[in-house]
């Protein structure tokens, strides 16, 4: 399972404002459901990822855990029409879910 998100900021170990203990790159991502997470970026994407991009995050369970712990790794960068289509499909679904979860307004009849 994968979830789309929009990159807010990229945290590279060599950045001037970042002090890192390792060589991994992370990205702070606003997910389609309004959660904000800081996630590992797959090494092959570390040089290409930038703020504002739409990405796919791997939510499949990690193989070494008995419990279903999601990988939470950015594994794809989507661009152009594909990025817009995927993002809007998830956001539209989220908006429908929020509207259906909103309790109806009180109706006071006097």
C-alpha atoms as a PDB file:
ATOM      1  CA  UNK A   1       0.000   0.000   0.000  1.00  0.00           C
ATOM      2  CA  UNK A   2       1.229   3.483  -0.888  1.00  0.00           C
ATOM      3  CA  UNK A   3      -0.009   6.944   0.100  1.00  0.00           C
ATOM      4  CA  UNK A   4       0.630  10.240  -1.693  1.00  0.00           C
ATOM      5  CA  UNK A   5       1.977  13.345  -0.023  1.00  0.00           C
ATOM      6  CA  UNK A   6       3.403  16.780  -0.814  1.00  0.00           C
ATOM      7  CA  UNK A   7       6.977  17.558   0.216  1.00  0.00           C
ATOM      8  CA  UNK A   8       7.216  20.489   2.628  1.00  0.00           C
ATOM      9  CA  UNK A   9      10.971  20.369   3.249  1.00  0.00           C
ATOM     10  CA  UNK A  10      13.922  18.119   2.411  1.00  0.00           C
ATOM     11  CA  UNK A  11      16.524  17.404   5.108  1.00  0.00           C
ATOM     12  CA  UNK A  12      19.865  16.418   3.598  1.00  0.00           C
ATOM     13  CA  UNK A  13      22.856  15.632   5.828  1.00  0.00           C
ATOM     14  CA  UNK A  14      25.083  18.085   3.934  1.00  0.00           C
ATOM     15  CA  UNK A  15      22.656  21.029   4.239  1.00  0.00           C
ATOM     16  CA  UNK A  16      24.056  24.082   6.012  1.00  0.00           C
ATOM     17  CA  UNK A  17      21.213  24.141   8.559  1.00  0.00           C
ATOM     18  CA  UNK A  18      21.305  20.387   9.287  1.00  0.00           C
ATOM     19  CA  UNK A  19      23.683  18.459  11.513  1.00  0.00           C
ATOM     20  CA  UNK A  20      23.297  14.741  10.840  1.00  0.00           C
ATOM     21  CA  UNK A  21      24.513  11.564  12.468  1.00  0.00           C
ATOM     22  CA  UNK A  22      24.192   9.610   9.221  1.00  0.00           C
ATOM     23  CA  UNK A  23      24.023   9.930   5.448  1.00  0.00           C
ATOM     24  CA  UNK A  24      20.254   9.416   5.009  1.00  0.00           C
ATOM     25  CA  UNK A  25      17.959  12.065   3.560  1.00  0.00           C
ATOM     26  CA  UNK A  26      14.541  12.705   5.071  1.00  0.00           C
ATOM     27  CA  UNK A  27      11.560  14.706   3.821  1.00  0.00           C
ATOM     28  CA  UNK A  28       8.825  16.368   5.822  1.00  0.00           C
ATOM     29  CA  UNK A  29       5.642  15.510   3.946  1.00  0.00           C
ATOM     30  CA  UNK A  30       2.010  16.625   4.211  1.00  0.00           C
ATOM     31  CA  UNK A  31       0.076  13.465   3.527  1.00  0.00           C
ATOM     32  CA  UNK A  32      -3.213  13.399   1.611  1.00  0.00           C
ATOM     33  CA  UNK A  33      -5.142  13.078   4.905  1.00  0.00           C
ATOM     34  CA  UNK A  34      -3.495  16.181   6.460  1.00  0.00           C
ATOM     35  CA  UNK A  35      -1.004  14.246   8.610  1.00  0.00           C
ATOM     36  CA  UNK A  36       2.501  15.696   8.549  1.00  0.00           C
ATOM     37  CA  UNK A  37       5.324  13.160   8.778  1.00  0.00           C
ATOM     38  CA  UNK A  38       9.098  13.237   8.404  1.00  0.00           C
ATOM     39  CA  UNK A  39      10.056  10.204   6.363  1.00  0.00           C
ATOM     40  CA  UNK A  40      13.126   8.458   5.012  1.00  0.00           C
ATOM     41  CA  UNK A  41      13.806   9.119   1.316  1.00  0.00           C
ATOM     42  CA  UNK A  42      14.954   6.132  -0.749  1.00  0.00           C
ATOM     43  CA  UNK A  43      18.663   6.640  -1.565  1.00  0.00           C
ATOM     44  CA  UNK A  44      18.062   6.656  -5.352  1.00  0.00           C
ATOM     45  CA  UNK A  45      15.711   9.653  -4.937  1.00  0.00           C
ATOM     46  CA  UNK A  46      17.722  11.659  -2.399  1.00  0.00           C
ATOM     47  CA  UNK A  47      19.376  13.940  -4.974  1.00  0.00           C
ATOM     48  CA  UNK A  48      16.191  14.535  -6.986  1.00  0.00           C
ATOM     49  CA  UNK A  49      13.579  15.222  -4.303  1.00  0.00           C
ATOM     50  CA  UNK A  50      12.605  18.830  -3.578  1.00  0.00           C
ATOM     51  CA  UNK A  51       9.957  20.843  -1.768  1.00  0.00           C
ATOM     52  CA  UNK A  52       6.590  21.066  -3.509  1.00  0.00           C
ATOM     53  CA  UNK A  53       6.791  17.698  -5.255  1.00  0.00           C
ATOM     54  CA  UNK A  54       4.134  15.027  -4.956  1.00  0.00           C
ATOM     55  CA  UNK A  55       5.598  11.732  -3.709  1.00  0.00           C
ATOM     56  CA  UNK A  56       4.428   8.206  -2.985  1.00  0.00           C
ATOM     57  CA  UNK A  57       5.223   6.822   0.452  1.00  0.00           C
ATOM     58  CA  UNK A  58       5.581   3.082   1.023  1.00  0.00           C
ATOM     59  CA  UNK A  59       3.182   1.964   3.756  1.00  0.00           C
ATOM     60  CA  UNK A  60       3.792  -1.764   3.234  1.00  0.00           C
ATOM     61  CA  UNK A  61       4.825  -3.632   6.381  1.00  0.00           C
ATOM     62  CA  UNK A  62       8.543  -3.929   7.004  1.00  0.00           C
ATOM     63  CA  UNK A  63       9.607  -7.571   6.534  1.00  0.00           C
ATOM     64  CA  UNK A  64      11.666  -7.915   9.742  1.00  0.00           C
ATOM     65  CA  UNK A  65       8.862  -7.099  12.178  1.00  0.00           C
ATOM     66  CA  UNK A  66       6.148  -9.396  13.494  1.00  0.00           C
ATOM     67  CA  UNK A  67       3.740  -6.520  13.923  1.00  0.00           C
ATOM     68  CA  UNK A  68       2.669  -4.613  10.821  1.00  0.00           C
ATOM     69  CA  UNK A  69       5.094  -1.665  11.052  1.00  0.00           C
ATOM     70  CA  UNK A  70       4.912   0.465   7.873  1.00  0.00           C
ATOM     71  CA  UNK A  71       8.091   1.233   5.989  1.00  0.00           C
ATOM     72  CA  UNK A  72       7.310   4.990   5.718  1.00  0.00           C
ATOM     73  CA  UNK A  73       9.835   5.505   2.922  1.00  0.00           C
ATOM     74  CA  UNK A  74       9.457   7.935   0.006  1.00  0.00           C
ATOM     75  CA  UNK A  75       9.814   5.636  -3.006  1.00  0.00           C
ATOM     76  CA  UNK A  76       8.531   7.659  -5.984  1.00  0.00           C
ATOM     77  CA  UNK A  77       8.397  11.254  -7.140  1.00  0.00           C
ATOM     78  CA  UNK A  78       5.345  12.036  -9.257  1.00  0.00           C
ATOM     79  CA  UNK A  79       5.388  14.925 -11.711  1.00  0.00           C
ATOM     80  CA  UNK A  80       3.087  16.737 -14.112  1.00  0.00           C
ATOM     81  CA  UNK A  81      -0.434  15.510 -14.817  1.00  0.00           C
ATOM     82  CA  UNK A  82       0.152  12.225 -12.983  1.00  0.00           C
ATOM     83  CA  UNK A  83       1.051  14.058  -9.756  1.00  0.00           C
ATOM     84  CA  UNK A  84      -2.013  16.299  -9.991  1.00  0.00           C
ATOM     85  CA  UNK A  85      -4.391  13.427 -10.795  1.00  0.00           C
ATOM     86  CA  UNK A  86      -3.223  11.222  -7.920  1.00  0.00           C
ATOM     87  CA  UNK A  87      -3.129  14.091  -5.401  1.00  0.00           C
ATOM     88  CA  UNK A  88      -6.612  15.367  -6.322  1.00  0.00           C
ATOM     89  CA  UNK A  89      -8.156  11.877  -6.218  1.00  0.00           C
ATOM     90  CA  UNK A  90      -6.970  11.351  -2.641  1.00  0.00           C
ATOM     91  CA  UNK A  91      -7.795  14.909  -1.531  1.00  0.00           C
ATOM     92  CA  UNK A  92     -11.319  14.655  -2.986  1.00  0.00           C
ATOM     93  CA  UNK A  93     -11.841  11.390  -1.092  1.00  0.00           C
ATOM     94  CA  UNK A  94     -10.521  13.003   2.109  1.00  0.00           C
ATOM     95  CA  UNK A  95     -12.832  15.994   1.679  1.00  0.00           C
ATOM     96  CA  UNK A  96     -15.848  13.669   1.195  1.00  0.00           C
ATOM     97  CA  UNK A  97     -14.880  11.718   4.320  1.00  0.00           C
ATOM     98  CA  UNK A  98     -14.593  14.914   6.363  1.00  0.00           C
ATOM     99  CA  UNK A  99     -17.984  16.170   5.172  1.00  0.00           C
ATOM    100  CA  UNK A 100     -19.706  12.870   5.980  1.00  0.00           C
ATOM    101  CA  UNK A 101     -18.109  12.790   9.451  1.00  0.00           C
ATOM    102  CA  UNK A 102     -19.359  16.287  10.333  1.00  0.00           C
ATOM    103  CA  UNK A 103     -22.370  16.077  12.644  1.00  0.00           C
ATOM    104  CA  UNK A 104     -25.456  17.849  11.366  1.00  0.00           C
ATOM    105  CA  UNK A 105     -26.198  21.287  12.795  1.00  0.00           C
ATOM    106  CA  UNK A 106     -28.660  21.451  15.695  1.00  0.00           C
ATOM    107  CA  UNK A 107     -32.152  22.378  14.624  1.00  0.00           C
ATOM    108  CA  UNK A 108     -33.989  24.249  17.363  1.00  0.00           C
ATOM    109  CA  UNK A 109     -37.688  24.397  16.742  1.00  0.00           C
ATOM    110  CA  UNK A 110     -39.413  26.582  19.289  1.00  0.00           C
END
